[in-house]
């Protein structure tokens, strides 16, 4: 994706949050809809992550794209800012201190051997015992985790025992992401 398209998505995300807080819309969403840009109308899974002063402030995403990317980013930005259960909703004075990061995902692929999973390159999805958890590729880098640490923490995130990834009924899928931020 070209940097110009990335910048449009970042502007849509910030504008989406800002208008929910009562700020005047910039019109970037409407311009994008009218323009009909091919890349921004593709359907991809995506995550919108908010950081405030380097700390996670919200992160919500969909693994599969069910609508044009620019529309999905508009929705995810609001969900990340106001509906991530781990955090209080973002307030107006705080928004200017937040940095927005967008991850556009490839279609997840089931893997049968965990040697196929490469931390820092791949995001990973664990499903086991009716529970599921996801880590984006950048989590390994940010946390300085290798494969085993990533899998153990993925299990904990899913509400499972640390070593549940070793269970025979655990399934895994990987994906790559194009990650960009303000």
C-alpha atoms as a PDB file:
ATOM      1  CA  UNK A   1       0.000   0.000   0.000  1.00  0.00           C
ATOM      2  CA  UNK A   2       1.329   3.405  -0.924  1.00  0.00           C
ATOM      3  CA  UNK A   3       2.077   5.928   1.829  1.00  0.00           C
ATOM      4  CA  UNK A   4      -0.649   8.239   0.483  1.00  0.00           C
ATOM      5  CA  UNK A   5      -3.265   5.512   1.057  1.00  0.00           C
ATOM      6  CA  UNK A   6      -1.858   4.830   4.521  1.00  0.00           C
ATOM      7  CA  UNK A   7      -2.144   8.519   5.383  1.00  0.00           C
ATOM      8  CA  UNK A   8      -5.780   8.580   4.251  1.00  0.00           C
ATOM      9  CA  UNK A   9      -6.578   5.619   6.516  1.00  0.00           C
ATOM     10  CA  UNK A  10      -4.790   7.260   9.447  1.00  0.00           C
ATOM     11  CA  UNK A  11      -6.726  10.488   8.857  1.00  0.00           C
ATOM     12  CA  UNK A  12      -9.999   8.529   8.692  1.00  0.00           C
ATOM     13  CA  UNK A  13      -9.160   6.839  12.009  1.00  0.00           C
ATOM     14  CA  UNK A  14      -8.310  10.095  13.794  1.00  0.00           C
ATOM     15  CA  UNK A  15     -11.325  11.862  12.317  1.00  0.00           C
ATOM     16  CA  UNK A  16     -13.629   9.001  13.342  1.00  0.00           C
ATOM     17  CA  UNK A  17     -12.520   9.261  16.967  1.00  0.00           C
ATOM     18  CA  UNK A  18     -12.535  13.051  16.910  1.00  0.00           C
ATOM     19  CA  UNK A  19     -16.066  13.379  15.561  1.00  0.00           C
ATOM     20  CA  UNK A  20     -17.323  10.954  18.240  1.00  0.00           C
ATOM     21  CA  UNK A  21     -15.771  13.354  20.773  1.00  0.00           C
ATOM     22  CA  UNK A  22     -17.610  16.307  19.191  1.00  0.00           C
ATOM     23  CA  UNK A  23     -14.833  17.661  16.982  1.00  0.00           C
ATOM     24  CA  UNK A  24     -15.687  18.965  13.529  1.00  0.00           C
ATOM     25  CA  UNK A  25     -15.295  16.351  10.781  1.00  0.00           C
ATOM     26  CA  UNK A  26     -12.556  16.910   8.213  1.00  0.00           C
ATOM     27  CA  UNK A  27     -14.509  15.286   5.390  1.00  0.00           C
ATOM     28  CA  UNK A  28     -11.823  12.692   4.627  1.00  0.00           C
ATOM     29  CA  UNK A  29     -14.257   9.770   5.014  1.00  0.00           C
ATOM     30  CA  UNK A  30     -16.758  11.276   2.573  1.00  0.00           C
ATOM     31  CA  UNK A  31     -13.996  12.196   0.103  1.00  0.00           C
ATOM     32  CA  UNK A  32     -12.708   8.622   0.194  1.00  0.00           C
ATOM     33  CA  UNK A  33     -16.188   7.185  -0.336  1.00  0.00           C
ATOM     34  CA  UNK A  34     -16.818   9.482  -3.308  1.00  0.00           C
ATOM     35  CA  UNK A  35     -13.392   8.873  -4.833  1.00  0.00           C
ATOM     36  CA  UNK A  36     -13.864   5.087  -4.857  1.00  0.00           C
ATOM     37  CA  UNK A  37     -10.140   4.324  -4.524  1.00  0.00           C
ATOM     38  CA  UNK A  38      -9.521   0.669  -5.434  1.00  0.00           C
ATOM     39  CA  UNK A  39      -6.973  -0.039  -2.682  1.00  0.00           C
ATOM     40  CA  UNK A  40      -9.065   1.547   0.060  1.00  0.00           C
ATOM     41  CA  UNK A  41     -12.117  -0.431  -1.076  1.00  0.00           C
ATOM     42  CA  UNK A  42     -10.372  -3.811  -0.813  1.00  0.00           C
ATOM     43  CA  UNK A  43     -11.551  -6.110   1.976  1.00  0.00           C
ATOM     44  CA  UNK A  44      -8.861  -6.984   4.494  1.00  0.00           C
ATOM     45  CA  UNK A  45      -8.846  -7.769   8.171  1.00  0.00           C
ATOM     46  CA  UNK A  46      -7.380  -4.915  10.164  1.00  0.00           C
ATOM     47  CA  UNK A  47      -6.587  -3.661  13.664  1.00  0.00           C
ATOM     48  CA  UNK A  48      -6.465  -0.110  14.950  1.00  0.00           C
ATOM     49  CA  UNK A  49      -4.154   0.381  17.927  1.00  0.00           C
ATOM     50  CA  UNK A  50      -3.914   3.504  20.064  1.00  0.00           C
ATOM     51  CA  UNK A  51      -0.829   4.365  22.078  1.00  0.00           C
ATOM     52  CA  UNK A  52      -0.601   7.201  24.572  1.00  0.00           C
ATOM     53  CA  UNK A  53       2.945   8.253  25.432  1.00  0.00           C
ATOM     54  CA  UNK A  54       4.217   4.866  24.262  1.00  0.00           C
ATOM     55  CA  UNK A  55       1.697   2.828  26.292  1.00  0.00           C
ATOM     56  CA  UNK A  56      -1.117   0.740  24.818  1.00  0.00           C
ATOM     57  CA  UNK A  57      -4.384   2.671  25.083  1.00  0.00           C
ATOM     58  CA  UNK A  58      -6.707   0.524  22.960  1.00  0.00           C
ATOM     59  CA  UNK A  59      -6.605  -2.119  20.249  1.00  0.00           C
ATOM     60  CA  UNK A  60      -9.520  -3.634  18.368  1.00  0.00           C
ATOM     61  CA  UNK A  61      -9.590  -5.494  15.080  1.00  0.00           C
ATOM     62  CA  UNK A  62     -11.276  -7.960  12.790  1.00  0.00           C
ATOM     63  CA  UNK A  63      -9.306 -10.893  11.395  1.00  0.00           C
ATOM     64  CA  UNK A  64     -11.285 -10.879   8.159  1.00  0.00           C
ATOM     65  CA  UNK A  65     -12.507  -7.887   6.213  1.00  0.00           C
ATOM     66  CA  UNK A  66     -16.265  -7.819   5.781  1.00  0.00           C
ATOM     67  CA  UNK A  67     -16.454  -4.349   4.221  1.00  0.00           C
ATOM     68  CA  UNK A  68     -14.215  -1.898   2.351  1.00  0.00           C
ATOM     69  CA  UNK A  69     -11.020  -1.148   4.261  1.00  0.00           C
ATOM     70  CA  UNK A  70     -11.703   2.572   4.727  1.00  0.00           C
ATOM     71  CA  UNK A  71     -15.101   1.769   6.304  1.00  0.00           C
ATOM     72  CA  UNK A  72     -13.585  -0.890   8.553  1.00  0.00           C
ATOM     73  CA  UNK A  73     -10.896   1.521   9.794  1.00  0.00           C
ATOM     74  CA  UNK A  74     -13.585   4.114  10.560  1.00  0.00           C
ATOM     75  CA  UNK A  75     -15.403   1.564  12.768  1.00  0.00           C
ATOM     76  CA  UNK A  76     -12.306   0.048  14.382  1.00  0.00           C
ATOM     77  CA  UNK A  77     -10.897   3.433  15.363  1.00  0.00           C
ATOM     78  CA  UNK A  78     -14.006   4.182  17.404  1.00  0.00           C
ATOM     79  CA  UNK A  79     -14.102   0.712  18.903  1.00  0.00           C
ATOM     80  CA  UNK A  80     -10.432   0.958  19.876  1.00  0.00           C
ATOM     81  CA  UNK A  81     -10.925   4.365  21.493  1.00  0.00           C
ATOM     82  CA  UNK A  82     -14.225   3.731  23.237  1.00  0.00           C
ATOM     83  CA  UNK A  83     -14.986   0.008  23.459  1.00  0.00           C
ATOM     84  CA  UNK A  84     -11.765  -1.811  24.406  1.00  0.00           C
ATOM     85  CA  UNK A  85     -12.871  -3.309  27.743  1.00  0.00           C
ATOM     86  CA  UNK A  86      -9.326  -3.102  29.111  1.00  0.00           C
ATOM     87  CA  UNK A  87      -9.353   0.709  29.139  1.00  0.00           C
ATOM     88  CA  UNK A  88     -11.554   3.647  29.996  1.00  0.00           C
ATOM     89  CA  UNK A  89     -12.892   5.444  26.906  1.00  0.00           C
ATOM     90  CA  UNK A  90     -10.577   8.068  25.404  1.00  0.00           C
ATOM     91  CA  UNK A  91     -11.535  11.611  26.354  1.00  0.00           C
ATOM     92  CA  UNK A  92     -11.130  14.709  24.191  1.00  0.00           C
ATOM     93  CA  UNK A  93      -8.053  16.237  25.867  1.00  0.00           C
ATOM     94  CA  UNK A  94      -6.306  12.861  25.674  1.00  0.00           C
ATOM     95  CA  UNK A  95      -6.754  12.323  21.924  1.00  0.00           C
ATOM     96  CA  UNK A  96      -3.984  14.755  20.954  1.00  0.00           C
ATOM     97  CA  UNK A  97      -1.520  12.647  22.982  1.00  0.00           C
ATOM     98  CA  UNK A  98      -2.527   9.427  21.239  1.00  0.00           C
ATOM     99  CA  UNK A  99      -0.728   7.903  18.278  1.00  0.00           C
ATOM    100  CA  UNK A 100      -2.735   5.747  15.892  1.00  0.00           C
ATOM    101  CA  UNK A 101      -1.309   2.568  14.379  1.00  0.00           C
ATOM    102  CA  UNK A 102      -3.076   0.505  11.718  1.00  0.00           C
ATOM    103  CA  UNK A 103      -2.336  -3.116  10.848  1.00  0.00           C
ATOM    104  CA  UNK A 104      -3.791  -4.399   7.565  1.00  0.00           C
ATOM    105  CA  UNK A 105      -3.865  -8.195   7.619  1.00  0.00           C
ATOM    106  CA  UNK A 106      -3.423 -10.959   5.104  1.00  0.00           C
ATOM    107  CA  UNK A 107      -5.931 -13.810   5.189  1.00  0.00           C
ATOM    108  CA  UNK A 108      -5.015 -16.142   8.091  1.00  0.00           C
ATOM    109  CA  UNK A 109      -3.684 -19.579   7.111  1.00  0.00           C
ATOM    110  CA  UNK A 110      -3.925 -22.682   9.278  1.00  0.00           C
ATOM    111  CA  UNK A 111      -0.558 -24.187  10.140  1.00  0.00           C
ATOM    112  CA  UNK A 112       0.135 -27.749  11.242  1.00  0.00           C
ATOM    113  CA  UNK A 113       3.660 -27.257  12.549  1.00  0.00           C
ATOM    114  CA  UNK A 114       4.620 -24.416  14.901  1.00  0.00           C
ATOM    115  CA  UNK A 115       8.011 -24.264  13.187  1.00  0.00           C
ATOM    116  CA  UNK A 116       6.069 -22.507  10.409  1.00  0.00           C
ATOM    117  CA  UNK A 117       5.366 -19.632  12.827  1.00  0.00           C
ATOM    118  CA  UNK A 118       8.059 -16.948  12.737  1.00  0.00           C
ATOM    119  CA  UNK A 119       7.732 -14.356  15.529  1.00  0.00           C
ATOM    120  CA  UNK A 120       8.199 -10.752  14.363  1.00  0.00           C
ATOM    121  CA  UNK A 121       7.075 -11.740  10.847  1.00  0.00           C
ATOM    122  CA  UNK A 122       3.813 -13.532  11.638  1.00  0.00           C
ATOM    123  CA  UNK A 123       0.790 -12.727  13.688  1.00  0.00           C
ATOM    124  CA  UNK A 124      -0.728 -15.784  15.312  1.00  0.00           C
ATOM    125  CA  UNK A 125      -4.181 -17.007  16.270  1.00  0.00           C
ATOM    126  CA  UNK A 126      -4.650 -19.757  18.866  1.00  0.00           C
ATOM    127  CA  UNK A 127      -7.895 -21.690  19.207  1.00  0.00           C
ATOM    128  CA  UNK A 128      -8.177 -24.276  21.977  1.00  0.00           C
ATOM    129  CA  UNK A 129     -11.042 -25.554  24.088  1.00  0.00           C
ATOM    130  CA  UNK A 130     -13.498 -23.024  22.677  1.00  0.00           C
ATOM    131  CA  UNK A 131     -11.192 -20.094  23.479  1.00  0.00           C
ATOM    132  CA  UNK A 132      -9.234 -17.918  21.098  1.00  0.00           C
ATOM    133  CA  UNK A 133      -6.536 -15.248  21.251  1.00  0.00           C
ATOM    134  CA  UNK A 134      -4.563 -13.247  18.721  1.00  0.00           C
ATOM    135  CA  UNK A 135      -1.234 -11.450  18.709  1.00  0.00           C
ATOM    136  CA  UNK A 136      -0.229  -9.100  15.906  1.00  0.00           C
ATOM    137  CA  UNK A 137       3.267  -9.616  14.451  1.00  0.00           C
ATOM    138  CA  UNK A 138       4.662  -6.503  16.150  1.00  0.00           C
ATOM    139  CA  UNK A 139       3.898  -7.892  19.636  1.00  0.00           C
ATOM    140  CA  UNK A 140       6.961 -10.175  19.515  1.00  0.00           C
ATOM    141  CA  UNK A 141       9.213  -7.218  18.754  1.00  0.00           C
ATOM    142  CA  UNK A 142       7.610  -4.890  21.306  1.00  0.00           C
ATOM    143  CA  UNK A 143       7.774  -7.481  24.099  1.00  0.00           C
ATOM    144  CA  UNK A 144      11.116  -9.044  23.048  1.00  0.00           C
ATOM    145  CA  UNK A 145       9.488 -12.485  22.915  1.00  0.00           C
ATOM    146  CA  UNK A 146      10.656 -15.549  21.048  1.00  0.00           C
ATOM    147  CA  UNK A 147       8.365 -18.326  19.812  1.00  0.00           C
ATOM    148  CA  UNK A 148       7.812 -20.080  23.161  1.00  0.00           C
ATOM    149  CA  UNK A 149       7.238 -16.851  25.114  1.00  0.00           C
ATOM    150  CA  UNK A 150       4.799 -15.675  22.459  1.00  0.00           C
ATOM    151  CA  UNK A 151       2.851 -18.944  22.587  1.00  0.00           C
ATOM    152  CA  UNK A 152       2.774 -19.004  26.389  1.00  0.00           C
ATOM    153  CA  UNK A 153       1.501 -15.441  26.569  1.00  0.00           C
ATOM    154  CA  UNK A 154      -1.029 -16.143  23.817  1.00  0.00           C
ATOM    155  CA  UNK A 155      -2.423 -18.958  25.988  1.00  0.00           C
ATOM    156  CA  UNK A 156      -2.634 -16.654  28.991  1.00  0.00           C
ATOM    157  CA  UNK A 157      -4.410 -14.030  26.886  1.00  0.00           C
ATOM    158  CA  UNK A 158      -6.970 -16.681  25.898  1.00  0.00           C
ATOM    159  CA  UNK A 159      -7.546 -17.543  29.562  1.00  0.00           C
ATOM    160  CA  UNK A 160      -5.772 -20.880  29.263  1.00  0.00           C
ATOM    161  CA  UNK A 161      -2.871 -22.464  31.104  1.00  0.00           C
ATOM    162  CA  UNK A 162       0.525 -21.211  29.951  1.00  0.00           C
ATOM    163  CA  UNK A 163       1.339 -24.529  28.246  1.00  0.00           C
ATOM    164  CA  UNK A 164      -2.055 -25.102  26.576  1.00  0.00           C
ATOM    165  CA  UNK A 165      -0.403 -24.506  23.200  1.00  0.00           C
ATOM    166  CA  UNK A 166       1.081 -28.009  23.534  1.00  0.00           C
ATOM    167  CA  UNK A 167      -2.374 -29.649  23.640  1.00  0.00           C
ATOM    168  CA  UNK A 168      -3.283 -31.798  20.653  1.00  0.00           C
ATOM    169  CA  UNK A 169      -6.571 -29.981  20.084  1.00  0.00           C
ATOM    170  CA  UNK A 170      -4.941 -26.538  19.923  1.00  0.00           C
ATOM    171  CA  UNK A 171      -5.036 -25.077  16.422  1.00  0.00           C
ATOM    172  CA  UNK A 172      -3.027 -22.204  15.018  1.00  0.00           C
ATOM    173  CA  UNK A 173      -3.243 -19.841  12.081  1.00  0.00           C
ATOM    174  CA  UNK A 174      -0.735 -17.220  11.030  1.00  0.00           C
ATOM    175  CA  UNK A 175      -0.972 -14.014   9.048  1.00  0.00           C
ATOM    176  CA  UNK A 176       1.248 -11.120   8.072  1.00  0.00           C
ATOM    177  CA  UNK A 177       0.403  -7.470   8.492  1.00  0.00           C
ATOM    178  CA  UNK A 178       1.291  -4.212   6.878  1.00  0.00           C
ATOM    179  CA  UNK A 179       1.764  -1.926   9.864  1.00  0.00           C
ATOM    180  CA  UNK A 180       1.918   1.866   9.721  1.00  0.00           C
ATOM    181  CA  UNK A 181       1.342   4.722  12.117  1.00  0.00           C
ATOM    182  CA  UNK A 182       1.251   8.480  12.429  1.00  0.00           C
END
